[in-house]
Amino acid sequence: MDQMNYYHTREVSDSFETALTKVKKALADRGFGVITEIDLKEKFREKLNVDFREYRILGACNPKWLTRQLNRKIE
């Protein structure tokens, strides 16, 4: 079975917190809001007692775009 990879990656020289702040601002500048944020370092420590690197999963949504898509008529 073929494996599908779905992700974007970019290496930056900023600190983790600075890069995270910049990503959130860039999303906001394009009309996206962060509606979920999962801190994997925290979750791994809490659930597995494992020390993991800084890693966040951001769930972002652009409500104006989404509303337009939901209101489009299917032809």
N, C-alpha and C. Protein backbone atom coordinates (compact mmCIF):
# COMPACT_ATOMS: atom_id res chain seq x y z
N MET A 1 0.84 -1.17 0.00
CA MET A 1 0.00 0.00 0.00
C MET A 1 0.89 1.24 0.00
N ASP A 2 0.55 2.22 -0.83
CA ASP A 2 1.31 3.47 -0.88
C ASP A 2 1.07 4.30 0.37
N GLN A 3 2.12 4.94 0.83
CA GLN A 3 2.01 5.80 1.99
C GLN A 3 1.85 7.24 1.52
N MET A 4 0.93 7.96 2.12
CA MET A 4 0.71 9.35 1.76
C MET A 4 1.25 10.24 2.88
N ASN A 5 2.10 11.18 2.55
CA ASN A 5 2.61 12.15 3.50
C ASN A 5 1.95 13.49 3.25
N TYR A 6 1.45 14.11 4.31
CA TYR A 6 0.76 15.40 4.18
C TYR A 6 1.29 16.33 5.25
N TYR A 7 2.21 17.18 4.87
CA TYR A 7 2.74 18.15 5.81
C TYR A 7 3.54 19.19 5.05
N HIS A 8 3.80 20.29 5.73
CA HIS A 8 4.68 21.34 5.21
C HIS A 8 5.78 21.53 6.25
N THR A 9 6.97 21.74 5.78
CA THR A 9 8.06 21.95 6.71
C THR A 9 8.93 23.11 6.22
N ARG A 10 9.46 23.83 7.17
CA ARG A 10 10.35 24.94 6.86
C ARG A 10 11.30 25.11 8.04
N GLU A 11 12.58 25.19 7.77
CA GLU A 11 13.55 25.44 8.83
C GLU A 11 13.77 26.93 8.97
N VAL A 12 13.77 27.41 10.21
CA VAL A 12 13.98 28.82 10.49
C VAL A 12 15.03 28.95 11.59
N SER A 13 15.62 30.12 11.68
CA SER A 13 16.65 30.34 12.71
C SER A 13 16.07 30.95 13.98
N ASP A 14 14.79 31.29 13.98
CA ASP A 14 14.15 31.87 15.16
C ASP A 14 14.00 30.83 16.27
N SER A 15 13.78 31.33 17.48
CA SER A 15 13.44 30.42 18.58
C SER A 15 12.06 29.83 18.29
N PHE A 16 11.73 28.77 18.99
CA PHE A 16 10.44 28.13 18.78
C PHE A 16 9.29 29.11 19.04
N GLU A 17 9.34 29.81 20.17
CA GLU A 17 8.25 30.73 20.52
C GLU A 17 8.14 31.89 19.53
N THR A 18 9.26 32.41 19.07
CA THR A 18 9.23 33.49 18.07
C THR A 18 8.63 32.99 16.77
N ALA A 19 9.05 31.82 16.34
CA ALA A 19 8.51 31.24 15.10
C ALA A 19 7.01 30.99 15.23
N LEU A 20 6.58 30.47 16.36
CA LEU A 20 5.15 30.22 16.59
C LEU A 20 4.36 31.52 16.53
N THR A 21 4.86 32.56 17.15
CA THR A 21 4.20 33.87 17.12
C THR A 21 4.10 34.39 15.69
N LYS A 22 5.17 34.24 14.92
CA LYS A 22 5.17 34.69 13.52
C LYS A 22 4.17 33.91 12.67
N VAL A 23 4.09 32.60 12.89
CA VAL A 23 3.15 31.78 12.13
C VAL A 23 1.72 32.21 12.44
N LYS A 24 1.40 32.41 13.72
CA LYS A 24 0.05 32.83 14.10
C LYS A 24 -0.29 34.19 13.50
N LYS A 25 0.68 35.11 13.49
CA LYS A 25 0.45 36.43 12.90
C LYS A 25 0.24 36.32 11.40
N ALA A 26 1.04 35.50 10.73
CA ALA A 26 0.89 35.32 9.29
C ALA A 26 -0.48 34.72 8.96
N LEU A 27 -0.95 33.79 9.75
CA LEU A 27 -2.28 33.23 9.55
C LEU A 27 -3.34 34.31 9.73
N ALA A 28 -3.23 35.08 10.80
CA ALA A 28 -4.19 36.15 11.07
C ALA A 28 -4.20 37.19 9.96
N ASP A 29 -3.04 37.52 9.44
CA ASP A 29 -2.93 38.50 8.35
C ASP A 29 -3.65 38.02 7.09
N ARG A 30 -3.86 36.72 6.97
CA ARG A 30 -4.54 36.14 5.81
C ARG A 30 -5.97 35.70 6.13
N GLY A 31 -6.47 36.16 7.28
CA GLY A 31 -7.86 35.90 7.63
C GLY A 31 -8.12 34.61 8.38
N PHE A 32 -7.06 33.94 8.82
CA PHE A 32 -7.22 32.68 9.54
C PHE A 32 -7.14 32.91 11.04
N GLY A 33 -7.93 32.17 11.76
CA GLY A 33 -7.84 32.15 13.21
C GLY A 33 -7.42 30.77 13.65
N VAL A 34 -6.63 30.70 14.71
CA VAL A 34 -6.23 29.41 15.27
C VAL A 34 -7.34 28.98 16.21
N ILE A 35 -8.04 27.90 15.85
CA ILE A 35 -9.17 27.44 16.65
C ILE A 35 -8.80 26.28 17.57
N THR A 36 -7.68 25.62 17.29
CA THR A 36 -7.16 24.59 18.19
C THR A 36 -5.65 24.67 18.20
N GLU A 37 -5.08 24.33 19.34
CA GLU A 37 -3.62 24.28 19.46
C GLU A 37 -3.28 23.12 20.39
N ILE A 38 -2.55 22.16 19.87
CA ILE A 38 -2.15 20.99 20.66
C ILE A 38 -0.65 21.06 20.90
N ASP A 39 -0.27 21.09 22.15
CA ASP A 39 1.13 21.12 22.55
C ASP A 39 1.57 19.67 22.80
N LEU A 40 2.25 19.08 21.81
CA LEU A 40 2.63 17.68 21.93
C LEU A 40 3.67 17.44 23.02
N LYS A 41 4.55 18.39 23.25
CA LYS A 41 5.52 18.22 24.33
C LYS A 41 4.78 18.04 25.66
N GLU A 42 3.79 18.89 25.89
CA GLU A 42 3.00 18.80 27.12
C GLU A 42 2.20 17.50 27.19
N LYS A 43 1.55 17.14 26.08
CA LYS A 43 0.72 15.93 26.06
C LYS A 43 1.55 14.67 26.26
N PHE A 44 2.72 14.60 25.61
CA PHE A 44 3.57 13.43 25.77
C PHE A 44 4.05 13.30 27.22
N ARG A 45 4.37 14.44 27.84
CA ARG A 45 4.81 14.41 29.24
C ARG A 45 3.65 13.95 30.13
N GLU A 46 2.47 14.52 29.88
CA GLU A 46 1.29 14.21 30.69
C GLU A 46 0.84 12.76 30.54
N LYS A 47 0.74 12.30 29.30
CA LYS A 47 0.15 10.98 29.04
C LYS A 47 1.15 9.83 29.06
N LEU A 48 2.40 10.10 28.64
CA LEU A 48 3.37 9.03 28.48
C LEU A 48 4.61 9.17 29.35
N ASN A 49 4.70 10.31 30.07
CA ASN A 49 5.90 10.60 30.86
C ASN A 49 7.16 10.55 29.99
N VAL A 50 7.03 11.13 28.79
CA VAL A 50 8.12 11.15 27.81
C VAL A 50 8.49 12.61 27.53
N ASP A 51 9.80 12.88 27.51
CA ASP A 51 10.26 14.22 27.16
C ASP A 51 10.37 14.31 25.65
N PHE A 52 9.64 15.23 25.05
CA PHE A 52 9.59 15.39 23.60
C PHE A 52 9.98 16.82 23.25
N ARG A 53 10.44 17.03 22.06
CA ARG A 53 10.84 18.37 21.62
C ARG A 53 9.62 19.29 21.51
N GLU A 54 9.86 20.58 21.38
CA GLU A 54 8.78 21.55 21.17
C GLU A 54 8.08 21.22 19.87
N TYR A 55 6.77 21.05 19.93
CA TYR A 55 6.01 20.67 18.74
C TYR A 55 4.56 21.06 18.98
N ARG A 56 4.00 21.86 18.08
CA ARG A 56 2.61 22.28 18.20
C ARG A 56 1.86 21.93 16.92
N ILE A 57 0.63 21.53 17.10
CA ILE A 57 -0.27 21.34 15.98
C ILE A 57 -1.31 22.45 16.07
N LEU A 58 -1.39 23.26 15.01
CA LEU A 58 -2.35 24.35 14.96
C LEU A 58 -3.48 23.99 14.01
N GLY A 59 -4.68 24.15 14.48
CA GLY A 59 -5.86 23.99 13.62
C GLY A 59 -6.35 25.39 13.28
N ALA A 60 -6.29 25.75 12.01
CA ALA A 60 -6.65 27.11 11.60
C ALA A 60 -7.85 27.09 10.67
N CYS A 61 -8.63 28.15 10.74
CA CYS A 61 -9.83 28.26 9.91
C CYS A 61 -9.98 29.71 9.45
N ASN A 62 -10.42 29.86 8.21
CA ASN A 62 -10.74 31.18 7.68
C ASN A 62 -12.26 31.25 7.56
N PRO A 63 -12.94 31.84 8.55
CA PRO A 63 -14.40 31.80 8.58
C PRO A 63 -15.07 32.47 7.38
N LYS A 64 -14.50 33.55 6.87
CA LYS A 64 -15.11 34.21 5.70
C LYS A 64 -15.06 33.29 4.49
N TRP A 65 -13.91 32.66 4.26
CA TRP A 65 -13.79 31.74 3.13
C TRP A 65 -14.71 30.54 3.32
N LEU A 66 -14.73 29.99 4.52
CA LEU A 66 -15.56 28.83 4.80
C LEU A 66 -17.04 29.15 4.57
N THR A 67 -17.49 30.30 5.05
CA THR A 67 -18.89 30.68 4.86
C THR A 67 -19.24 30.79 3.39
N ARG A 68 -18.35 31.37 2.59
CA ARG A 68 -18.59 31.45 1.14
C ARG A 68 -18.71 30.07 0.53
N GLN A 69 -17.84 29.16 0.95
CA GLN A 69 -17.86 27.81 0.40
C GLN A 69 -19.14 27.07 0.78
N LEU A 70 -19.56 27.24 2.02
CA LEU A 70 -20.77 26.54 2.49
C LEU A 70 -22.03 27.10 1.84
N ASN A 71 -22.00 28.36 1.45
CA ASN A 71 -23.17 29.00 0.86
C ASN A 71 -23.24 28.87 -0.65
N ARG A 72 -22.18 28.33 -1.27
CA ARG A 72 -22.19 28.15 -2.73
C ARG A 72 -23.24 27.12 -3.13
N LYS A 73 -23.88 27.39 -4.22
CA LYS A 73 -24.85 26.41 -4.74
C LYS A 73 -24.11 25.34 -5.52
N ILE A 74 -24.52 24.11 -5.33
CA ILE A 74 -23.94 23.01 -6.08
C ILE A 74 -24.62 22.96 -7.43
N GLU A 75 -23.82 23.00 -8.48
CA GLU A 75 -24.39 22.99 -9.85
C GLU A 75 -24.36 21.63 -10.46
